[in-house]
C-alpha atoms as a PDB file:
ATOM      1  CA  UNK A   1      66.546 -17.495  62.379  1.00  0.00           C
ATOM      2  CA  UNK A   2      65.458 -20.933  63.280  1.00  0.00           C
ATOM      3  CA  UNK A   3      62.539 -20.922  65.787  1.00  0.00           C
ATOM      4  CA  UNK A   4      62.901 -22.535  69.157  1.00  0.00           C
ATOM      5  CA  UNK A   5      60.005 -24.752  68.248  1.00  0.00           C
ATOM      6  CA  UNK A   6      61.815 -26.115  65.109  1.00  0.00           C
ATOM      7  CA  UNK A   7      64.927 -26.757  67.188  1.00  0.00           C
ATOM      8  CA  UNK A   8      62.751 -28.426  69.915  1.00  0.00           C
ATOM      9  CA  UNK A   9      61.288 -30.761  67.342  1.00  0.00           C
ATOM     10  CA  UNK A  10      64.565 -31.759  65.863  1.00  0.00           C
ATOM     11  CA  UNK A  11      66.718 -31.873  68.921  1.00  0.00           C
ATOM     12  CA  UNK A  12      64.480 -32.816  71.775  1.00  0.00           C
ATOM     13  CA  UNK A  13      61.462 -34.728  70.465  1.00  0.00           C
ATOM     14  CA  UNK A  14      63.345 -36.809  67.834  1.00  0.00           C
ATOM     15  CA  UNK A  15      66.193 -37.593  70.295  1.00  0.00           C
ATOM     16  CA  UNK A  16      63.671 -38.433  72.982  1.00  0.00           C
ATOM     17  CA  UNK A  17      61.861 -40.821  70.697  1.00  0.00           C
ATOM     18  CA  UNK A  18      65.142 -42.803  69.973  1.00  0.00           C
ATOM     19  CA  UNK A  19      64.539 -45.449  72.642  1.00  0.00           C
ATOM     20  CA  UNK A  20      60.938 -45.970  71.567  1.00  0.00           C
ATOM     21  CA  UNK A  21      61.868 -46.167  67.922  1.00  0.00           C
ATOM     22  CA  UNK A  22      64.821 -48.392  68.520  1.00  0.00           C
ATOM     23  CA  UNK A  23      62.759 -50.912  70.503  1.00  0.00           C
ATOM     24  CA  UNK A  24      60.059 -50.918  67.813  1.00  0.00           C
ATOM     25  CA  UNK A  25      62.686 -51.469  65.074  1.00  0.00           C
ATOM     26  CA  UNK A  26      64.235 -54.374  67.002  1.00  0.00           C
ATOM     27  CA  UNK A  27      60.812 -55.808  67.654  1.00  0.00           C
ATOM     28  CA  UNK A  28      60.109 -55.739  63.903  1.00  0.00           C
ATOM     29  CA  UNK A  29      63.184 -57.831  63.082  1.00  0.00           C
ATOM     30  CA  UNK A  30      63.022 -60.372  65.967  1.00  0.00           C
ATOM     31  CA  UNK A  31      61.087 -63.517  66.286  1.00  0.00           C
ATOM     32  CA  UNK A  32      57.503 -63.247  67.720  1.00  0.00           C
ATOM     33  CA  UNK A  33      57.506 -63.099  71.529  1.00  0.00           C
ATOM     34  CA  UNK A  34      61.155 -62.280  71.910  1.00  0.00           C
ATOM     35  CA  UNK A  35      60.500 -58.626  72.787  1.00  0.00           C
ATOM     36  CA  UNK A  36      57.633 -56.379  73.620  1.00  0.00           C
ATOM     37  CA  UNK A  37      57.163 -53.581  71.094  1.00  0.00           C
ATOM     38  CA  UNK A  38      56.820 -50.966  73.849  1.00  0.00           C
ATOM     39  CA  UNK A  39      58.294 -50.658  77.260  1.00  0.00           C
ATOM     40  CA  UNK A  40      57.415 -48.153  80.054  1.00  0.00           C
ATOM     41  CA  UNK A  41      61.104 -47.280  80.477  1.00  0.00           C
ATOM     42  CA  UNK A  42      61.362 -45.926  76.893  1.00  0.00           C
ATOM     43  CA  UNK A  43      58.327 -43.580  77.540  1.00  0.00           C
ATOM     44  CA  UNK A  44      59.832 -42.455  80.768  1.00  0.00           C
ATOM     45  CA  UNK A  45      63.052 -41.651  78.999  1.00  0.00           C
ATOM     46  CA  UNK A  46      61.059 -39.546  76.541  1.00  0.00           C
ATOM     47  CA  UNK A  47      59.373 -37.694  79.246  1.00  0.00           C
ATOM     48  CA  UNK A  48      62.525 -37.017  81.097  1.00  0.00           C
ATOM     49  CA  UNK A  49      64.240 -35.747  77.879  1.00  0.00           C
ATOM     50  CA  UNK A  50      61.368 -33.313  77.413  1.00  0.00           C
ATOM     51  CA  UNK A  51      61.337 -31.902  80.868  1.00  0.00           C
ATOM     52  CA  UNK A  52      65.067 -31.609  81.188  1.00  0.00           C
ATOM     53  CA  UNK A  53      65.052 -29.759  77.882  1.00  0.00           C
ATOM     54  CA  UNK A  54      62.383 -27.498  79.259  1.00  0.00           C
ATOM     55  CA  UNK A  55      64.343 -26.592  82.306  1.00  0.00           C
ATOM     56  CA  UNK A  56      67.472 -25.951  80.294  1.00  0.00           C
ATOM     57  CA  UNK A  57      65.710 -23.775  77.810  1.00  0.00           C
ATOM     58  CA  UNK A  58      63.935 -21.716  80.435  1.00  0.00           C
ATOM     59  CA  UNK A  59      67.176 -21.128  82.378  1.00  0.00           C
ATOM     60  CA  UNK A  60      68.763 -19.625  79.256  1.00  0.00           C
ATOM     61  CA  UNK A  61      65.703 -17.484  78.374  1.00  0.00           C
ATOM     62  CA  UNK A  62      66.551 -13.797  79.104  1.00  0.00           C
ATOM     63  CA  UNK A  63      63.391 -11.822  78.293  1.00  0.00           C
ATOM     64  CA  UNK A  64      60.656 -13.802  80.055  1.00  0.00           C
ATOM     65  CA  UNK A  65      58.668 -13.196  83.248  1.00  0.00           C
ATOM     66  CA  UNK A  66      60.433 -14.554  86.236  1.00  0.00           C
ATOM     67  CA  UNK A  67      57.226 -15.930  87.783  1.00  0.00           C
ATOM     68  CA  UNK A  68      56.398 -17.735  84.634  1.00  0.00           C
ATOM     69  CA  UNK A  69      59.906 -19.233  84.398  1.00  0.00           C
ATOM     70  CA  UNK A  70      59.670 -20.336  88.057  1.00  0.00           C
ATOM     71  CA  UNK A  71      56.291 -22.000  87.381  1.00  0.00           C
ATOM     72  CA  UNK A  72      57.531 -23.822  84.371  1.00  0.00           C
ATOM     73  CA  UNK A  73      60.583 -25.117  86.165  1.00  0.00           C
ATOM     74  CA  UNK A  74      58.449 -26.222  89.020  1.00  0.00           C
ATOM     75  CA  UNK A  75      56.079 -28.167  86.705  1.00  0.00           C
ATOM     76  CA  UNK A  76      59.010 -29.731  84.954  1.00  0.00           C
ATOM     77  CA  UNK A  77      60.612 -30.740  88.244  1.00  0.00           C
ATOM     78  CA  UNK A  78      57.302 -32.222  89.364  1.00  0.00           C
ATOM     79  CA  UNK A  79      57.052 -34.320  86.286  1.00  0.00           C
ATOM     80  CA  UNK A  80      60.667 -35.453  86.541  1.00  0.00           C
ATOM     81  CA  UNK A  81      59.809 -36.642  90.062  1.00  0.00           C
ATOM     82  CA  UNK A  82      56.727 -38.479  88.768  1.00  0.00           C
ATOM     83  CA  UNK A  83      58.865 -40.078  86.039  1.00  0.00           C
ATOM     84  CA  UNK A  84      61.376 -41.251  88.675  1.00  0.00           C
ATOM     85  CA  UNK A  85      58.641 -42.881  90.809  1.00  0.00           C
ATOM     86  CA  UNK A  86      57.226 -44.611  87.751  1.00  0.00           C
ATOM     87  CA  UNK A  87      60.644 -45.778  86.711  1.00  0.00           C
ATOM     88  CA  UNK A  88      61.250 -47.256  90.132  1.00  0.00           C
ATOM     89  CA  UNK A  89      58.026 -49.015  89.913  1.00  0.00           C
ATOM     90  CA  UNK A  90      59.073 -50.689  86.667  1.00  0.00           C
ATOM     91  CA  UNK A  91      62.053 -52.247  88.548  1.00  0.00           C
ATOM     92  CA  UNK A  92      59.793 -54.238  90.750  1.00  0.00           C
ATOM     93  CA  UNK A  93      59.368 -57.638  89.184  1.00  0.00           C
ATOM     94  CA  UNK A  94      56.723 -60.360  89.366  1.00  0.00           C
ATOM     95  CA  UNK A  95      53.071 -59.726  90.066  1.00  0.00           C
ATOM     96  CA  UNK A  96      53.590 -56.907  92.639  1.00  0.00           C
ATOM     97  CA  UNK A  97      52.948 -54.265  90.005  1.00  0.00           C
ATOM     98  CA  UNK A  98      50.377 -54.266  87.201  1.00  0.00           C
ATOM     99  CA  UNK A  99      52.731 -53.739  84.258  1.00  0.00           C
ATOM    100  CA  UNK A 100      49.888 -52.976  81.843  1.00  0.00           C
ATOM    101  CA  UNK A 101      48.643 -50.277  84.108  1.00  0.00           C
ATOM    102  CA  UNK A 102      52.156 -48.818  84.327  1.00  0.00           C
ATOM    103  CA  UNK A 103      52.383 -48.865  80.623  1.00  0.00           C
ATOM    104  CA  UNK A 104      49.186 -46.928  80.089  1.00  0.00           C
ATOM    105  CA  UNK A 105      50.120 -44.528  82.847  1.00  0.00           C
ATOM    106  CA  UNK A 106      53.514 -43.687  81.338  1.00  0.00           C
ATOM    107  CA  UNK A 107      52.124 -43.389  77.808  1.00  0.00           C
ATOM    108  CA  UNK A 108      49.519 -40.832  79.018  1.00  0.00           C
ATOM    109  CA  UNK A 109      52.143 -38.926  81.074  1.00  0.00           C
ATOM    110  CA  UNK A 110      54.419 -38.858  78.021  1.00  0.00           C
ATOM    111  CA  UNK A 111      51.637 -37.314  75.963  1.00  0.00           C
ATOM    112  CA  UNK A 112      50.937 -34.780  78.692  1.00  0.00           C
ATOM    113  CA  UNK A 113      54.688 -34.039  78.841  1.00  0.00           C
ATOM    114  CA  UNK A 114      54.707 -33.566  75.047  1.00  0.00           C
ATOM    115  CA  UNK A 115      51.760 -31.140  75.229  1.00  0.00           C
ATOM    116  CA  UNK A 116      53.410 -29.152  78.040  1.00  0.00           C
ATOM    117  CA  UNK A 117      56.687 -28.952  76.246  1.00  0.00           C
ATOM    118  CA  UNK A 118      55.002 -28.043  72.937  1.00  0.00           C
ATOM    119  CA  UNK A 119      53.173 -25.108  74.680  1.00  0.00           C
ATOM    120  CA  UNK A 120      56.267 -24.007  76.391  1.00  0.00           C
ATOM    121  CA  UNK A 121      58.361 -23.901  73.269  1.00  0.00           C
ATOM    122  CA  UNK A 122      55.483 -22.190  71.376  1.00  0.00           C
ATOM    123  CA  UNK A 123      55.785 -19.430  74.016  1.00  0.00           C
ATOM    124  CA  UNK A 124      59.522 -19.313  73.906  1.00  0.00           C
ATOM    125  CA  UNK A 125      59.381 -18.978  70.107  1.00  0.00           C
ATOM    126  CA  UNK A 126      57.080 -15.976  70.488  1.00  0.00           C
ATOM    127  CA  UNK A 127      59.309 -14.395  73.030  1.00  0.00           C
ATOM    128  CA  UNK A 128      62.242 -14.817  70.819  1.00  0.00           C
ATOM    129  CA  UNK A 129      60.378 -13.292  67.877  1.00  0.00           C
ATOM    130  CA  UNK A 130      59.292 -10.303  70.006  1.00  0.00           C
ATOM    131  CA  UNK A 131      62.844  -9.808  71.272  1.00  0.00           C
ATOM    132  CA  UNK A 132      65.255 -10.971  68.630  1.00  0.00           C
ATOM    133  CA  UNK A 133      68.169  -8.958  70.012  1.00  0.00           C
ATOM    134  CA  UNK A 134      68.214 -11.192  73.167  1.00  0.00           C
ATOM    135  CA  UNK A 135      68.384 -14.502  71.356  1.00  0.00           C
ATOM    136  CA  UNK A 136      71.718 -16.272  72.117  1.00  0.00           C
END
């Protein structure tokens, strides 16, 4: 049986990193100054993929404490809202928003999202090992 953490790494983290890796690859093959190597929107997409995956996985988890599931869904919904606000702020052009500050902010939030998702899938893997008869 493949653990939830292995599937999370392959299907969620790697898919979530596609925008970041794609931009980096395009940056490597374009002329200098044509494109920035990193963009806040790519990190926002990564965080959204992680938290949507968290909610989906928790909703399909049978043998877990309901209060824990509710807490995890609430945390993910909160982070989705934060990502939405940050995405809206990237749409504002000109000097109204400090783009460098937004970039740092979304990078930190993406790392926090990755840590939250990792800990969640570690617990899900443990639950599935403790209750293999209930794994879909």
